[in-house]
Amino acid sequence: LTDHKNFILCYSTPPFPVWIWTVDDIDED
């Protein structure tokens, strides 16, 4: 999942963790 600007979410496969990258000072929305 991504909006190509503020965040990237990637879940490879269980049992590995979900990686979530976010911009610094990310908006509450």
PDB file of all heavy atoms in Angstrom:
ATOM      1  N   LEU A   1       0.846  -1.187   0.000  1.00  0.00           N
ATOM      2  CA  LEU A   1       0.000   0.000   0.000  1.00  0.00           C
ATOM      3  C   LEU A   1       0.885   1.242   0.000  1.00  0.00           C
ATOM      4  O   LEU A   1       1.886   1.295   0.714  1.00  0.00           O
ATOM      5  CB  LEU A   1      -0.912   0.040   1.236  1.00  0.00           C
ATOM      6  CG  LEU A   1      -2.017  -1.003   1.358  1.00  0.00           C
ATOM      7  CD1 LEU A   1      -2.708  -0.864   2.708  1.00  0.00           C
ATOM      8  CD2 LEU A   1      -3.023  -0.874   0.223  1.00  0.00           C
ATOM      9  N   THR A   2       0.519   2.259  -0.754  1.00  0.00           N
ATOM     10  CA  THR A   2       1.288   3.495  -0.782  1.00  0.00           C
ATOM     11  C   THR A   2       0.448   4.619  -1.385  1.00  0.00           C
ATOM     12  O   THR A   2      -0.440   4.363  -2.202  1.00  0.00           O
ATOM     13  CB  THR A   2       2.583   3.335  -1.598  1.00  0.00           C
ATOM     14  OG1 THR A   2       3.289   4.577  -1.634  1.00  0.00           O
ATOM     15  CG2 THR A   2       2.294   2.891  -3.023  1.00  0.00           C
ATOM     16  N   ASP A   3       0.756   5.856  -0.971  1.00  0.00           N
ATOM     17  CA  ASP A   3       0.190   7.010  -1.672  1.00  0.00           C
ATOM     18  C   ASP A   3       1.271   7.694  -2.505  1.00  0.00           C
ATOM     19  O   ASP A   3       1.050   8.777  -3.047  1.00  0.00           O
ATOM     20  CB  ASP A   3      -0.454   7.990  -0.690  1.00  0.00           C
ATOM     21  CG  ASP A   3       0.550   8.679   0.223  1.00  0.00           C
ATOM     22  OD1 ASP A   3       1.738   8.294   0.221  1.00  0.00           O
ATOM     23  OD2 ASP A   3       0.144   9.610   0.950  1.00  0.00           O
ATOM     24  N   HIS A   4       2.458   7.070  -2.572  1.00  0.00           N
ATOM     25  CA  HIS A   4       3.601   7.539  -3.365  1.00  0.00           C
ATOM     26  C   HIS A   4       4.132   8.895  -2.894  1.00  0.00           C
ATOM     27  O   HIS A   4       4.915   9.530  -3.597  1.00  0.00           O
ATOM     28  CB  HIS A   4       3.253   7.630  -4.853  1.00  0.00           C
ATOM     29  CG  HIS A   4       2.614   6.404  -5.407  1.00  0.00           C
ATOM     30  ND1 HIS A   4       3.273   5.210  -5.519  1.00  0.00           N
ATOM     31  CD2 HIS A   4       1.350   6.183  -5.864  1.00  0.00           C
ATOM     32  CE1 HIS A   4       2.457   4.296  -6.036  1.00  0.00           C
ATOM     33  NE2 HIS A   4       1.293   4.859  -6.241  1.00  0.00           N
ATOM     34  N   LYS A   5       3.746   9.294  -1.677  1.00  0.00           N
ATOM     35  CA  LYS A   5       4.171  10.616  -1.204  1.00  0.00           C
ATOM     36  C   LYS A   5       4.447  10.645   0.296  1.00  0.00           C
ATOM     37  O   LYS A   5       5.471  11.157   0.735  1.00  0.00           O
ATOM     38  CB  LYS A   5       3.099  11.657  -1.539  1.00  0.00           C
ATOM     39  CG  LYS A   5       3.451  13.079  -1.132  1.00  0.00           C
ATOM     40  CD  LYS A   5       2.347  14.045  -1.554  1.00  0.00           C
ATOM     41  CE  LYS A   5       2.692  15.468  -1.138  1.00  0.00           C
ATOM     42  NZ  LYS A   5       1.607  16.433  -1.511  1.00  0.00           N
ATOM     43  N   ASN A   6       3.535  10.073   1.088  1.00  0.00           N
ATOM     44  CA  ASN A   6       3.625  10.202   2.543  1.00  0.00           C
ATOM     45  C   ASN A   6       3.925   8.906   3.283  1.00  0.00           C
ATOM     46  O   ASN A   6       4.437   8.939   4.402  1.00  0.00           O
ATOM     47  CB  ASN A   6       2.311  10.764   3.103  1.00  0.00           C
ATOM     48  CG  ASN A   6       2.000  12.139   2.568  1.00  0.00           C
ATOM     49  OD1 ASN A   6       2.661  13.115   2.915  1.00  0.00           O
ATOM     50  ND2 ASN A   6       0.978  12.224   1.715  1.00  0.00           N
ATOM     51  N   PHE A   7       3.559   7.769   2.683  1.00  0.00           N
ATOM     52  CA  PHE A   7       3.779   6.507   3.390  1.00  0.00           C
ATOM     53  C   PHE A   7       3.924   5.346   2.416  1.00  0.00           C
ATOM     54  O   PHE A   7       3.443   5.384   1.281  1.00  0.00           O
ATOM     55  CB  PHE A   7       2.627   6.224   4.370  1.00  0.00           C
ATOM     56  CG  PHE A   7       1.400   5.655   3.713  1.00  0.00           C
ATOM     57  CD1 PHE A   7       1.206   4.283   3.623  1.00  0.00           C
ATOM     58  CD2 PHE A   7       0.445   6.495   3.168  1.00  0.00           C
ATOM     59  CE1 PHE A   7       0.078   3.759   3.012  1.00  0.00           C
ATOM     60  CE2 PHE A   7      -0.690   5.983   2.551  1.00  0.00           C
ATOM     61  CZ  PHE A   7      -0.869   4.604   2.470  1.00  0.00           C
ATOM     62  N   ILE A   8       4.608   4.314   2.908  1.00  0.00           N
ATOM     63  CA  ILE A   8       4.747   3.040   2.202  1.00  0.00           C
ATOM     64  C   ILE A   8       4.500   1.942   3.235  1.00  0.00           C
ATOM     65  O   ILE A   8       5.128   1.927   4.294  1.00  0.00           O
ATOM     66  CB  ILE A   8       6.161   2.864   1.612  1.00  0.00           C
ATOM     67  CG1 ILE A   8       6.466   3.963   0.595  1.00  0.00           C
ATOM     68  CG2 ILE A   8       6.320   1.474   0.975  1.00  0.00           C
ATOM     69  CD1 ILE A   8       7.939   4.027   0.202  1.00  0.00           C
ATOM     70  N   LEU A   9       3.594   1.043   2.934  1.00  0.00           N
ATOM     71  CA  LEU A   9       3.317  -0.107   3.806  1.00  0.00           C
ATOM     72  C   LEU A   9       3.571  -1.373   3.016  1.00  0.00           C
ATOM     73  O   LEU A   9       3.012  -1.531   1.921  1.00  0.00           O
ATOM     74  CB  LEU A   9       1.877  -0.058   4.320  1.00  0.00           C
ATOM     75  CG  LEU A   9       1.447  -1.132   5.326  1.00  0.00           C
ATOM     76  CD1 LEU A   9       0.310  -0.603   6.215  1.00  0.00           C
ATOM     77  CD2 LEU A   9       1.002  -2.440   4.659  1.00  0.00           C
ATOM     78  N   CYS A  10       4.380  -2.268   3.577  1.00  0.00           N
ATOM     79  CA  CYS A  10       4.720  -3.502   2.863  1.00  0.00           C
ATOM     80  C   CYS A  10       4.757  -4.664   3.843  1.00  0.00           C
ATOM     81  O   CYS A  10       5.482  -4.629   4.847  1.00  0.00           O
ATOM     82  CB  CYS A  10       6.075  -3.339   2.169  1.00  0.00           C
ATOM     83  SG  CYS A  10       6.525  -4.733   1.109  1.00  0.00           S
ATOM     84  N   TYR A  11       3.975  -5.683   3.554  1.00  0.00           N
ATOM     85  CA  TYR A  11       3.906  -6.895   4.371  1.00  0.00           C
ATOM     86  C   TYR A  11       4.311  -8.050   3.476  1.00  0.00           C
ATOM     87  O   TYR A  11       3.564  -8.455   2.588  1.00  0.00           O
ATOM     88  CB  TYR A  11       2.479  -7.080   4.893  1.00  0.00           C
ATOM     89  CG  TYR A  11       2.277  -8.222   5.851  1.00  0.00           C
ATOM     90  CD1 TYR A  11       3.329  -8.800   6.549  1.00  0.00           C
ATOM     91  CD2 TYR A  11       0.995  -8.715   6.085  1.00  0.00           C
ATOM     92  CE1 TYR A  11       3.110  -9.840   7.439  1.00  0.00           C
ATOM     93  CE2 TYR A  11       0.754  -9.751   6.978  1.00  0.00           C
ATOM     94  CZ  TYR A  11       1.824 -10.313   7.658  1.00  0.00           C
ATOM     95  OH  TYR A  11       1.610 -11.344   8.544  1.00  0.00           O
ATOM     96  N   SER A  12       5.512  -8.574   3.697  1.00  0.00           N
ATOM     97  CA  SER A  12       6.016  -9.616   2.803  1.00  0.00           C
ATOM     98  C   SER A  12       5.253 -10.912   2.991  1.00  0.00           C
ATOM     99  O   SER A  12       4.539 -11.368   2.088  1.00  0.00           O
ATOM    100  CB  SER A  12       7.512  -9.831   3.025  1.00  0.00           C
ATOM    101  OG  SER A  12       7.785 -10.175   4.376  1.00  0.00           O
ATOM    102  N   THR A  13       5.383 -11.506   4.154  1.00  0.00           N
ATOM    103  CA  THR A  13       4.695 -12.760   4.443  1.00  0.00           C
ATOM    104  C   THR A  13       4.831 -13.065   5.925  1.00  0.00           C
ATOM    105  O   THR A  13       5.822 -12.648   6.543  1.00  0.00           O
ATOM    106  CB  THR A  13       5.304 -13.920   3.610  1.00  0.00           C
ATOM    107  OG1 THR A  13       4.574 -15.125   3.864  1.00  0.00           O
ATOM    108  CG2 THR A  13       6.759 -14.143   3.949  1.00  0.00           C
ATOM    109  N   PRO A  14       3.865 -13.745   6.524  1.00  0.00           N
ATOM    110  CA  PRO A  14       4.044 -14.161   7.918  1.00  0.00           C
ATOM    111  C   PRO A  14       5.237 -15.121   8.015  1.00  0.00           C
ATOM    112  O   PRO A  14       5.478 -15.862   7.063  1.00  0.00           O
ATOM    113  CB  PRO A  14       2.733 -14.888   8.247  1.00  0.00           C
ATOM    114  CG  PRO A  14       1.768 -14.429   7.204  1.00  0.00           C
ATOM    115  CD  PRO A  14       2.576 -14.151   5.972  1.00  0.00           C
ATOM    116  N   PRO A  15       6.004 -15.114   9.091  1.00  0.00           N
ATOM    117  CA  PRO A  15       5.790 -14.380  10.341  1.00  0.00           C
ATOM    118  C   PRO A  15       6.553 -13.061  10.404  1.00  0.00           C
ATOM    119  O   PRO A  15       6.766 -12.526  11.491  1.00  0.00           O
ATOM    120  CB  PRO A  15       6.355 -15.360  11.374  1.00  0.00           C
ATOM    121  CG  PRO A  15       7.533 -15.981  10.660  1.00  0.00           C
ATOM    122  CD  PRO A  15       7.120 -16.095   9.212  1.00  0.00           C
ATOM    123  N   PHE A  16       6.990 -12.537   9.252  1.00  0.00           N
ATOM    124  CA  PHE A  16       7.802 -11.325   9.258  1.00  0.00           C
ATOM    125  C   PHE A  16       6.949 -10.093   9.567  1.00  0.00           C
ATOM    126  O   PHE A  16       5.745 -10.080   9.321  1.00  0.00           O
ATOM    127  CB  PHE A  16       8.511 -11.165   7.913  1.00  0.00           C
ATOM    128  CG  PHE A  16       9.465 -12.280   7.622  1.00  0.00           C
ATOM    129  CD1 PHE A  16       9.180 -13.215   6.638  1.00  0.00           C
ATOM    130  CD2 PHE A  16      10.633 -12.425   8.350  1.00  0.00           C
ATOM    131  CE1 PHE A  16      10.054 -14.261   6.379  1.00  0.00           C
ATOM    132  CE2 PHE A  16      11.507 -13.456   8.098  1.00  0.00           C
ATOM    133  CZ  PHE A  16      11.220 -14.383   7.117  1.00  0.00           C
ATOM    134  N   PRO A  17       7.569  -9.044  10.109  1.00  0.00           N
ATOM    135  CA  PRO A  17       6.813  -7.837  10.454  1.00  0.00           C
ATOM    136  C   PRO A  17       6.377  -7.043   9.222  1.00  0.00           C
ATOM    137  O   PRO A  17       6.942  -7.192   8.138  1.00  0.00           O
ATOM    138  CB  PRO A  17       7.811  -7.027  11.304  1.00  0.00           C
ATOM    139  CG  PRO A  17       9.157  -7.494  10.848  1.00  0.00           C
ATOM    140  CD  PRO A  17       8.984  -8.948  10.510  1.00  0.00           C
ATOM    141  N   VAL A  18       5.385  -6.202   9.428  1.00  0.00           N
ATOM    142  CA  VAL A  18       4.965  -5.233   8.427  1.00  0.00           C
ATOM    143  C   VAL A  18       5.905  -4.029   8.518  1.00  0.00           C
ATOM    144  O   VAL A  18       6.168  -3.525   9.618  1.00  0.00           O
ATOM    145  CB  VAL A  18       3.516  -4.777   8.676  1.00  0.00           C
ATOM    146  CG1 VAL A  18       3.107  -3.703   7.672  1.00  0.00           C
ATOM    147  CG2 VAL A  18       2.560  -5.960   8.626  1.00  0.00           C
ATOM    148  N   TRP A  19       6.427  -3.595   7.387  1.00  0.00           N
ATOM    149  CA  TRP A  19       7.247  -2.388   7.357  1.00  0.00           C
ATOM    150  C   TRP A  19       6.375  -1.213   6.945  1.00  0.00           C
ATOM    151  O   TRP A  19       5.658  -1.283   5.939  1.00  0.00           O
ATOM    152  CB  TRP A  19       8.397  -2.544   6.363  1.00  0.00           C
ATOM    153  CG  TRP A  19       9.513  -3.409   6.876  1.00  0.00           C
ATOM    154  CD1 TRP A  19       9.568  -4.770   6.863  1.00  0.00           C
ATOM    155  CD2 TRP A  19      10.721  -2.955   7.476  1.00  0.00           C
ATOM    156  NE1 TRP A  19      10.744  -5.200   7.424  1.00  0.00           N
ATOM    157  CE2 TRP A  19      11.483  -4.115   7.809  1.00  0.00           C
ATOM    158  CE3 TRP A  19      11.255  -1.691   7.763  1.00  0.00           C
ATOM    159  CZ2 TRP A  19      12.721  -4.030   8.416  1.00  0.00           C
ATOM    160  CZ3 TRP A  19      12.499  -1.610   8.363  1.00  0.00           C
ATOM    161  CH2 TRP A  19      13.227  -2.768   8.693  1.00  0.00           C
ATOM    162  N   ILE A  20       6.441  -0.119   7.737  1.00  0.00           N
ATOM    163  CA  ILE A  20       5.680   1.084   7.402  1.00  0.00           C
ATOM    164  C   ILE A  20       6.628   2.274   7.448  1.00  0.00           C
ATOM    165  O   ILE A  20       7.077   2.682   8.522  1.00  0.00           O
ATOM    166  CB  ILE A  20       4.502   1.322   8.370  1.00  0.00           C
ATOM    167  CG1 ILE A  20       3.574   0.093   8.423  1.00  0.00           C
ATOM    168  CG2 ILE A  20       3.707   2.558   7.930  1.00  0.00           C
ATOM    169  CD1 ILE A  20       2.446   0.217   9.433  1.00  0.00           C
ATOM    170  N   TRP A  21       6.926   2.805   6.269  1.00  0.00           N
ATOM    171  CA  TRP A  21       7.726   4.036   6.189  1.00  0.00           C
ATOM    172  C   TRP A  21       6.783   5.221   6.117  1.00  0.00           C
ATOM    173  O   TRP A  21       5.759   5.179   5.428  1.00  0.00           O
ATOM    174  CB  TRP A  21       8.607   4.031   4.943  1.00  0.00           C
ATOM    175  CG  TRP A  21       9.355   5.325   4.759  1.00  0.00           C
ATOM    176  CD1 TRP A  21      10.563   5.659   5.271  1.00  0.00           C
ATOM    177  CD2 TRP A  21       8.900   6.471   4.022  1.00  0.00           C
ATOM    178  NE1 TRP A  21      10.916   6.940   4.912  1.00  0.00           N
ATOM    179  CE2 TRP A  21       9.906   7.461   4.142  1.00  0.00           C
ATOM    180  CE3 TRP A  21       7.755   6.769   3.291  1.00  0.00           C
ATOM    181  CZ2 TRP A  21       9.794   8.725   3.543  1.00  0.00           C
ATOM    182  CZ3 TRP A  21       7.628   8.022   2.703  1.00  0.00           C
ATOM    183  CH2 TRP A  21       8.652   8.977   2.822  1.00  0.00           C
ATOM    184  N   THR A  22       7.126   6.281   6.857  1.00  0.00           N
ATOM    185  CA  THR A  22       6.340   7.505   6.822  1.00  0.00           C
ATOM    186  C   THR A  22       7.271   8.706   6.702  1.00  0.00           C
ATOM    187  O   THR A  22       8.423   8.661   7.157  1.00  0.00           O
ATOM    188  CB  THR A  22       5.490   7.664   8.101  1.00  0.00           C
ATOM    189  OG1 THR A  22       6.330   7.483   9.262  1.00  0.00           O
ATOM    190  CG2 THR A  22       4.366   6.642   8.135  1.00  0.00           C
ATOM    191  N   VAL A  23       6.773   9.776   6.116  1.00  0.00           N
ATOM    192  CA  VAL A  23       7.557  11.012   6.059  1.00  0.00           C
ATOM    193  C   VAL A  23       7.722  11.556   7.469  1.00  0.00           C
ATOM    194  O   VAL A  23       6.925  11.268   8.368  1.00  0.00           O
ATOM    195  CB  VAL A  23       6.874  12.080   5.168  1.00  0.00           C
ATOM    196  CG1 VAL A  23       6.850  11.637   3.721  1.00  0.00           C
ATOM    197  CG2 VAL A  23       5.473  12.388   5.673  1.00  0.00           C
ATOM    198  N   ASP A  24       8.742  12.360   7.680  1.00  0.00           N
ATOM    199  CA  ASP A  24       8.898  13.040   8.956  1.00  0.00           C
ATOM    200  C   ASP A  24       7.792  14.081   9.115  1.00  0.00           C
ATOM    201  O   ASP A  24       7.320  14.662   8.126  1.00  0.00           O
ATOM    202  CB  ASP A  24      10.266  13.718   9.026  1.00  0.00           C
ATOM    203  CG  ASP A  24      11.413  12.709   9.003  1.00  0.00           C
ATOM    204  OD1 ASP A  24      11.188  11.552   9.422  1.00  0.00           O
ATOM    205  OD2 ASP A  24      12.517  13.080   8.550  1.00  0.00           O
ATOM    206  N   ASP A  25       7.370  14.292  10.367  1.00  0.00           N
ATOM    207  CA  ASP A  25       6.289  15.250  10.648  1.00  0.00           C
ATOM    208  C   ASP A  25       5.030  14.926   9.843  1.00  0.00           C
ATOM    209  O   ASP A  25       4.395  15.800   9.244  1.00  0.00           O
ATOM    210  CB  ASP A  25       6.736  16.684  10.353  1.00  0.00           C
ATOM    211  CG  ASP A  25       7.957  17.091  11.176  1.00  0.00           C
ATOM    212  OD1 ASP A  25       8.004  16.729  12.372  1.00  0.00           O
ATOM    213  OD2 ASP A  25       8.858  17.738  10.625  1.00  0.00           O
ATOM    214  N   ILE A  26       4.681  13.658   9.845  1.00  0.00           N
ATOM    215  CA  ILE A  26       3.536  13.191   9.068  1.00  0.00           C
ATOM    216  C   ILE A  26       2.229  13.804   9.573  1.00  0.00           C
ATOM    217  O   ILE A  26       2.014  13.954  10.773  1.00  0.00           O
ATOM    218  CB  ILE A  26       3.473  11.643   9.119  1.00  0.00           C
ATOM    219  CG1 ILE A  26       2.333  11.104   8.262  1.00  0.00           C
ATOM    220  CG2 ILE A  26       3.393  11.142  10.541  1.00  0.00           C
ATOM    221  CD1 ILE A  26       2.325   9.587   8.157  1.00  0.00           C
ATOM    222  N   ASP A  27       1.335  14.177   8.651  1.00  0.00           N
ATOM    223  CA  ASP A  27       0.048  14.769   8.996  1.00  0.00           C
ATOM    224  C   ASP A  27      -0.842  13.759   9.727  1.00  0.00           C
ATOM    225  O   ASP A  27      -0.798  12.549   9.448  1.00  0.00           O
ATOM    226  CB  ASP A  27      -0.689  15.227   7.732  1.00  0.00           C
ATOM    227  CG  ASP A  27      -0.027  16.432   7.077  1.00  0.00           C
ATOM    228  OD1 ASP A  27       0.785  17.099   7.756  1.00  0.00           O
ATOM    229  OD2 ASP A  27      -0.308  16.677   5.888  1.00  0.00           O
ATOM    230  N   GLU A  28      -1.678  14.281  10.616  1.00  0.00           N
ATOM    231  CA  GLU A  28      -2.593  13.418  11.358  1.00  0.00           C
ATOM    232  C   GLU A  28      -3.561  12.699  10.424  1.00  0.00           C
ATOM    233  O   GLU A  28      -3.928  11.551  10.666  1.00  0.00           O
ATOM    234  CB  GLU A  28      -3.371  14.243  12.390  1.00  0.00           C
ATOM    235  CG  GLU A  28      -2.543  14.737  13.556  1.00  0.00           C
ATOM    236  CD  GLU A  28      -1.952  13.606  14.371  1.00  0.00           C
ATOM    237  OE1 GLU A  28      -2.693  12.638  14.665  1.00  0.00           O
ATOM    238  OE2 GLU A  28      -0.750  13.684  14.717  1.00  0.00           O
ATOM    239  N   ASP A  29      -3.968  13.359   9.364  1.00  0.00           N
ATOM    240  CA  ASP A  29      -4.895  12.725   8.417  1.00  0.00           C
ATOM    241  C   ASP A  29      -4.272  11.499   7.763  1.00  0.00           C
ATOM    242  O   ASP A  29      -4.964  10.492   7.524  1.00  0.00           O
ATOM    243  CB  ASP A  29      -5.311  13.723   7.334  1.00  0.00           C
ATOM    244  CG  ASP A  29      -6.240  14.810   7.860  1.00  0.00           C
ATOM    245  OD1 ASP A  29      -6.765  14.638   8.980  1.00  0.00           O
ATOM    246  OD2 ASP A  29      -6.441  15.811   7.149  1.00  0.00           O
TER     247      ASP A  29
END
